[in-house]
N, C-alpha and C. Protein backbone atom coordinates (compact mmCIF):
# COMPACT_ATOMS: atom_id res chain seq x y z
N MET A 1 -20.84 11.15 -2.96
CA MET A 1 -20.26 10.21 -2.94
C MET A 1 -20.25 10.40 -0.89
N GLU A 2 -20.54 9.63 -0.43
CA GLU A 2 -19.95 9.63 1.06
C GLU A 2 -18.90 9.00 1.19
N SER A 3 -16.91 8.78 1.88
CA SER A 3 -16.60 8.33 1.45
C SER A 3 -16.66 6.75 3.05
N SER A 4 -16.34 5.89 2.44
CA SER A 4 -16.27 5.38 3.96
C SER A 4 -14.95 4.98 4.99
N LEU A 5 -15.26 4.86 5.89
CA LEU A 5 -14.19 5.24 7.16
C LEU A 5 -13.74 3.59 8.00
N LEU A 6 -12.86 3.52 8.44
CA LEU A 6 -11.46 2.00 8.23
C LEU A 6 -11.48 2.81 9.74
N ARG A 7 -11.31 1.67 10.35
CA ARG A 7 -10.19 1.51 12.18
C ARG A 7 -9.30 1.24 11.78
N VAL A 8 -8.64 1.02 12.68
CA VAL A 8 -7.45 1.61 12.29
C VAL A 8 -6.04 0.45 11.69
N LYS A 9 -7.29 -0.14 12.46
CA LYS A 9 -6.47 -1.46 12.25
C LYS A 9 -7.02 -2.10 11.01
N GLU A 10 -7.61 -1.59 10.84
CA GLU A 10 -8.20 -2.33 8.87
C GLU A 10 -7.91 -1.25 8.18
N ALA A 11 -6.74 -0.16 8.27
CA ALA A 11 -6.37 0.53 7.27
C ALA A 11 -4.82 0.09 7.11
N ALA A 12 -4.84 -0.03 8.36
CA ALA A 12 -2.76 -1.37 8.55
C ALA A 12 -3.00 -2.19 7.60
N GLN A 13 -4.25 -3.43 7.57
CA GLN A 13 -3.91 -4.69 6.83
C GLN A 13 -4.38 -4.53 5.62
N VAL A 14 -4.79 -3.67 4.83
CA VAL A 14 -5.09 -3.03 3.89
C VAL A 14 -3.72 -2.11 2.88
N LEU A 15 -2.89 -1.61 4.17
CA LEU A 15 -2.05 -0.96 3.49
C LEU A 15 -0.82 -2.14 4.32
N LYS A 16 -0.90 -3.12 4.77
CA LYS A 16 0.09 -4.00 4.47
C LYS A 16 1.55 -3.12 5.80
N VAL A 17 0.97 -2.71 6.69
CA VAL A 17 1.52 -1.84 7.37
C VAL A 17 0.99 -2.48 9.21
N SER A 18 1.99 -1.75 10.66
CA SER A 18 1.68 -1.65 11.31
C SER A 18 0.97 -0.77 11.59
N THR A 19 -0.75 -1.27 13.07
CA THR A 19 -1.12 0.68 13.12
C THR A 19 -0.63 1.41 13.42
N TRP A 20 1.11 1.34 14.11
CA TRP A 20 1.39 2.62 14.84
C TRP A 20 1.69 3.21 13.61
N THR A 21 2.47 2.83 12.36
CA THR A 21 2.03 3.21 11.10
C THR A 21 1.75 4.11 10.89
N ILE A 22 -0.08 3.33 10.65
CA ILE A 22 -1.33 3.92 10.35
C ILE A 22 -1.09 5.56 11.75
N TYR A 23 -1.15 5.57 12.76
CA TYR A 23 -0.98 7.06 13.57
C TYR A 23 0.28 8.05 12.92
N ARG A 24 1.31 7.41 12.98
CA ARG A 24 2.00 8.91 12.28
C ARG A 24 1.47 9.46 11.12
N TRP A 25 1.42 8.13 10.20
CA TRP A 25 1.32 9.45 8.84
C TRP A 25 -0.39 9.44 9.27
N ILE A 26 -1.66 9.27 10.19
CA ILE A 26 -2.21 10.61 10.70
C ILE A 26 -1.51 11.55 10.67
N ASP A 27 -0.51 11.29 12.04
CA ASP A 27 -0.31 12.72 12.93
C ASP A 27 1.12 13.27 11.88
N GLU A 28 0.91 12.55 10.20
CA GLU A 28 1.99 13.84 8.98
C GLU A 28 0.56 14.12 8.43
N GLY A 29 0.38 14.12 8.25
CA GLY A 29 -1.03 13.83 7.57
C GLY A 29 -0.86 13.39 6.10
N GLN A 30 -0.58 11.89 5.96
CA GLN A 30 -0.62 11.51 5.21
C GLN A 30 -1.63 10.86 4.75
N LEU A 31 -2.18 11.14 6.08
CA LEU A 31 -3.66 9.54 5.86
C LEU A 31 -5.09 10.95 6.57
N GLN A 32 -5.67 11.09 6.31
CA GLN A 32 -7.09 11.62 7.17
C GLN A 32 -7.90 10.94 7.91
N ALA A 33 -8.13 11.76 8.92
CA ALA A 33 -9.16 10.94 9.36
C ALA A 33 -10.10 11.21 10.53
N THR A 34 -11.04 11.51 11.72
CA THR A 34 -12.12 12.00 12.53
C THR A 34 -12.54 11.04 13.28
N LYS A 35 -12.31 11.68 14.60
CA LYS A 35 -12.83 10.84 15.68
C LYS A 35 -14.30 10.83 15.76
N ILE A 36 -14.98 9.73 16.59
CA ILE A 36 -16.09 9.46 15.97
C ILE A 36 -16.11 9.13 17.79
N GLY A 37 -17.46 9.77 18.78
CA GLY A 37 -17.47 9.04 19.83
C GLY A 37 -16.52 9.87 20.89
N ARG A 38 -16.10 8.74 21.51
CA ARG A 38 -14.80 8.95 22.62
C ARG A 38 -13.47 8.65 22.50
N GLY A 39 -13.36 9.56 21.33
CA GLY A 39 -11.10 9.17 20.55
C GLY A 39 -11.50 8.25 19.78
N SER A 40 -12.15 6.71 19.16
CA SER A 40 -12.34 6.02 18.74
C SER A 40 -12.30 7.03 16.64
N LEU A 41 -10.66 6.61 16.37
CA LEU A 41 -10.33 7.01 15.35
C LEU A 41 -10.86 6.44 14.74
N ARG A 42 -11.72 7.54 13.26
CA ARG A 42 -11.54 6.00 12.11
C ARG A 42 -10.87 6.74 11.39
N ILE A 43 -10.36 6.23 9.42
CA ILE A 43 -10.04 6.63 8.67
C ILE A 43 -10.55 6.35 7.72
N PHE A 44 -10.51 7.42 6.72
CA PHE A 44 -11.31 8.29 5.18
C PHE A 44 -10.64 7.13 4.14
N ARG A 45 -11.60 6.26 4.21
CA ARG A 45 -10.76 5.13 2.87
C ARG A 45 -10.80 5.91 1.85
N ASP A 46 -10.80 6.86 1.52
CA ASP A 46 -10.02 7.77 0.27
C ASP A 46 -8.81 8.18 0.28
N SER A 47 -8.40 8.73 1.41
CA SER A 47 -7.43 8.80 2.03
C SER A 47 -5.83 7.60 1.11
N VAL A 48 -6.98 6.60 2.54
CA VAL A 48 -5.68 5.08 1.62
C VAL A 48 -5.80 5.37 0.68
N ASP A 49 -6.53 5.40 -0.24
CA ASP A 49 -7.21 5.18 -1.79
C ASP A 49 -6.01 6.43 -2.64
N ARG A 50 -5.45 7.10 -2.34
CA ARG A 50 -5.31 8.43 -2.39
C ARG A 50 -3.16 8.19 -2.28
N LEU A 51 -2.90 7.41 -0.90
CA LEU A 51 -1.51 7.22 -0.42
C LEU A 51 -1.37 6.27 -1.01
N VAL A 52 -2.26 5.60 -1.91
CA VAL A 52 -1.71 4.15 -2.17
C VAL A 52 -1.21 4.60 -3.91
N GLU A 53 -2.48 5.59 -4.77
CA GLU A 53 -1.93 5.64 -5.69
C GLU A 53 -0.64 7.04 -5.84
N ALA A 54 -0.77 7.87 -4.65
CA ALA A 54 0.50 8.55 -4.72
C ALA A 54 1.63 7.73 -4.43
N ASN A 55 2.13 6.99 -4.48
CA ASN A 55 3.15 6.01 -4.36
C ASN A 55 3.43 4.42 -5.09
N ARG A 56 2.70 4.69 -5.48
CA ARG A 56 2.36 3.99 -6.85
C ARG A 56 3.75 3.52 -7.93
N THR A 57 4.61 2.84 -7.35
CA THR A 57 5.76 2.79 -8.56
C THR A 57 5.43 2.50 -10.36
N GLN A 58 4.81 1.36 -10.38
CA GLN A 58 4.55 1.36 -11.91
C GLN A 58 3.25 1.05 -11.46
N ARG A 59 2.28 1.46 -12.95
CA ARG A 59 1.28 1.17 -13.65
C ARG A 59 1.61 0.12 -14.36
N TRP A 60 0.13 -0.64 -13.76
CA TRP A 60 -0.24 -2.01 -14.66
C TRP A 60 0.16 -2.04 -16.02
N GLU A 61 -0.31 -0.14 -16.53
CA GLU A 61 -0.77 0.04 -18.43
C GLU A 61 0.36 -0.85 -18.91
N THR A 62 1.56 0.05 -17.80
CA THR A 62 2.47 -0.14 -18.55
C THR A 62 3.95 -0.68 -18.49
N PHE A 63 3.11 -2.15 -17.39
CA PHE A 63 3.74 -3.33 -16.40
C PHE A 63 4.21 -4.21 -18.43
N ASP A 64 5.54 -4.25 -18.30
CA ASP A 64 6.75 -4.51 -19.36
C ASP A 64 5.71 -6.52 -19.09
N ARG A 65 4.92 -7.15 -20.33
CA ARG A 65 4.60 -8.14 -20.38
C ARG A 65 5.55 -9.72 -21.80
N ARG A 66 6.78 -8.32 -21.70
CA ARG A 66 7.79 -9.85 -22.54
C ARG A 66 8.17 -10.97 -21.79
N PRO A 67 8.30 -11.93 -22.75
CA PRO A 67 8.72 -13.25 -22.28
C PRO A 67 9.50 -13.18 -21.71
N ARG A 68 10.89 -13.72 -20.85
CA ARG A 68 11.75 -13.62 -20.19
C ARG A 68 12.11 -14.78 -20.62
N ARG A 69 13.60 -14.54 -20.39
CA ARG A 69 14.38 -16.52 -20.83
C ARG A 69 14.75 -17.28 -19.71
N VAL A 70 14.16 -18.11 -19.67
CA VAL A 70 15.32 -18.41 -18.09
C VAL A 70 16.17 -19.35 -18.55
N VAL A 71 16.99 -18.97 -17.20
CA VAL A 71 18.30 -19.67 -17.04
C VAL A 71 18.60 -20.59 -16.26
N PRO A 72 18.37 -21.65 -16.29
CA PRO A 72 18.64 -23.04 -14.74
C PRO A 72 19.78 -22.58 -13.85
N LEU A 73 19.96 -22.64 -12.47
CA LEU A 73 20.58 -22.48 -11.51
C LEU A 73 21.65 -22.23 -12.08
N ASP A 74 21.82 -23.77 -12.15
CA ASP A 74 23.46 -24.67 -12.77
C ASP A 74 23.76 -24.07 -13.96
N SER A 75 23.40 -23.78 -14.91
CA SER A 75 24.26 -22.78 -15.97
C SER A 75 24.83 -21.56 -15.44
N VAL A 76 24.39 -21.32 -14.17
CA VAL A 76 25.22 -19.68 -14.24
C VAL A 76 25.80 -20.12 -13.00
N ARG A 77 25.71 -21.51 -12.46
CA ARG A 77 26.27 -21.43 -12.04
C ARG A 77 28.60 -22.00 -12.02
N LEU A 78 27.78 -23.24 -13.97
CA LEU A 78 28.80 -23.35 -14.24
C LEU A 78 29.14 -22.13 -15.67
N GLY A 79 28.95 -21.05 -15.23
CA GLY A 79 29.17 -20.21 -16.61
C GLY A 79 28.44 -20.37 -17.78
N LYS A 80 27.73 -21.11 -17.48
CA LYS A 80 26.76 -21.79 -19.49
C LYS A 80 25.86 -20.17 -19.40
N ARG A 81 25.35 -20.05 -20.55
CA ARG A 81 24.63 -19.40 -20.72
C ARG A 81 23.36 -19.65 -22.57
């Protein structure tokens, strides 16, 4: 299967970081990219997906879905619970 390519700005939007961060991550080897033509840079989408997966802190399957007790802010200020 052929990997799709993202422009630097598109990768930045997907990862919610600046374009400079994308360039830095490419230099550090955290993202894989290729040059097209005379210097147009494209990032491999699967490297973006791997970066996200490697830095995920909590998986949805393990997310605690127990209901939480809501304490009104006024009660907290008055020391009532």
